[in-house]
Amino acid sequence: MPAAAPPCDLCRLPRVAGDFPLTSGGHTYRFCCPGCRQVFSMLAALEGAADPEAFRTTDLYRRCREMGVIPGDPAE
């Protein structure tokens, strides 16, 4: 059985729908959907650096989670 793909670099959900990569700061990040890739791009522009760990502490990330833009679990 093939190994499961690493989770989305933004929401950490499984990348079952495909692979939506984005290279930023010399690193390639992989996302579960185009929406996570776009939110990541917006957060990177806002924060001035691509660091998914730091994004999770921002008000914008929290608000995106509250509005359902970034899902919190596979059921969402």
Protein backbone atom coordinates (compact mmCIF):
# COMPACT_ATOMS: atom_id res chain seq x y z
CA MET A 1 0.00 0.00 0.00
CA PRO A 2 1.44 3.45 -0.88
CA ALA A 3 2.25 5.79 1.96
CA ALA A 4 -0.30 8.49 2.68
CA ALA A 5 0.57 11.96 1.45
CA PRO A 6 1.66 14.42 4.12
CA PRO A 7 -1.17 16.67 5.30
CA CYS A 8 -1.97 20.11 3.91
CA ASP A 9 0.63 22.68 4.98
CA LEU A 10 -2.11 25.12 6.00
CA CYS A 11 -5.07 23.26 7.50
CA ARG A 12 -3.26 19.96 8.17
CA LEU A 13 -6.08 17.90 6.69
CA PRO A 14 -5.23 14.95 4.43
CA ARG A 15 -4.49 15.91 0.83
CA VAL A 16 -6.99 13.49 -0.71
CA ALA A 17 -8.39 15.78 -3.42
CA GLY A 18 -5.03 16.35 -5.07
CA ASP A 19 -1.83 18.24 -4.75
CA PHE A 20 -1.82 22.02 -4.99
CA PRO A 21 1.82 23.12 -4.57
CA LEU A 22 3.23 26.60 -4.07
CA THR A 23 6.91 27.49 -3.82
CA SER A 24 7.73 30.33 -1.46
CA GLY A 25 11.04 31.27 0.10
CA GLY A 26 12.80 28.36 -1.58
CA HIS A 27 10.44 25.78 -0.05
CA THR A 28 7.58 23.98 -1.77
CA TYR A 29 4.42 23.83 0.30
CA ARG A 30 1.58 21.44 -0.58
CA PHE A 31 -2.10 22.06 -0.02
CA CYS A 32 -5.30 20.02 -0.03
CA CYS A 33 -7.18 22.51 -2.23
CA PRO A 34 -6.77 25.77 -4.15
CA GLY A 35 -8.47 27.61 -1.28
CA CYS A 36 -5.78 26.66 1.24
CA ARG A 37 -3.10 27.60 -1.27
CA GLN A 38 -4.73 31.03 -1.76
CA VAL A 39 -5.16 31.68 1.97
CA PHE A 40 -1.52 30.67 2.49
CA SER A 41 -0.49 33.19 -0.20
CA MET A 42 -2.51 35.93 1.50
CA LEU A 43 -1.05 35.12 4.92
CA ALA A 44 2.48 35.05 3.49
CA ALA A 45 1.94 38.48 1.95
CA LEU A 46 0.46 39.83 5.18
CA GLU A 47 3.09 38.36 7.48
CA GLY A 48 6.03 38.95 5.13
CA ALA A 49 7.25 35.34 5.30
CA ALA A 50 5.97 31.89 4.51
CA ASP A 51 5.77 30.11 7.84
CA PRO A 52 2.65 27.97 8.29
CA GLU A 53 3.40 27.44 11.97
CA ALA A 54 3.37 31.19 12.61
CA PHE A 55 0.21 31.66 10.52
CA ARG A 56 -1.80 29.55 12.91
CA THR A 57 -1.36 32.20 15.59
CA THR A 58 -2.62 35.13 13.47
CA ASP A 59 -6.01 36.76 13.80
CA LEU A 60 -6.63 36.26 10.07
CA TYR A 61 -6.04 32.50 10.34
CA ARG A 62 -8.36 32.28 13.36
CA ARG A 63 -11.08 34.23 11.55
CA CYS A 64 -10.72 32.04 8.44
CA ARG A 65 -11.21 28.96 10.67
CA GLU A 66 -14.27 30.53 12.33
CA MET A 67 -15.84 31.31 8.95
CA GLY A 68 -15.09 27.85 7.59
CA VAL A 69 -12.65 29.08 4.93
CA ILE A 70 -10.02 26.82 6.50
CA PRO A 71 -11.66 23.61 7.66
CA GLY A 72 -10.89 22.18 11.07
CA ASP A 73 -11.63 18.54 10.33
CA PRO A 74 -12.42 16.34 7.31
CA ALA A 75 -16.18 16.58 7.94
CA GLU A 76 -16.10 20.30 7.21
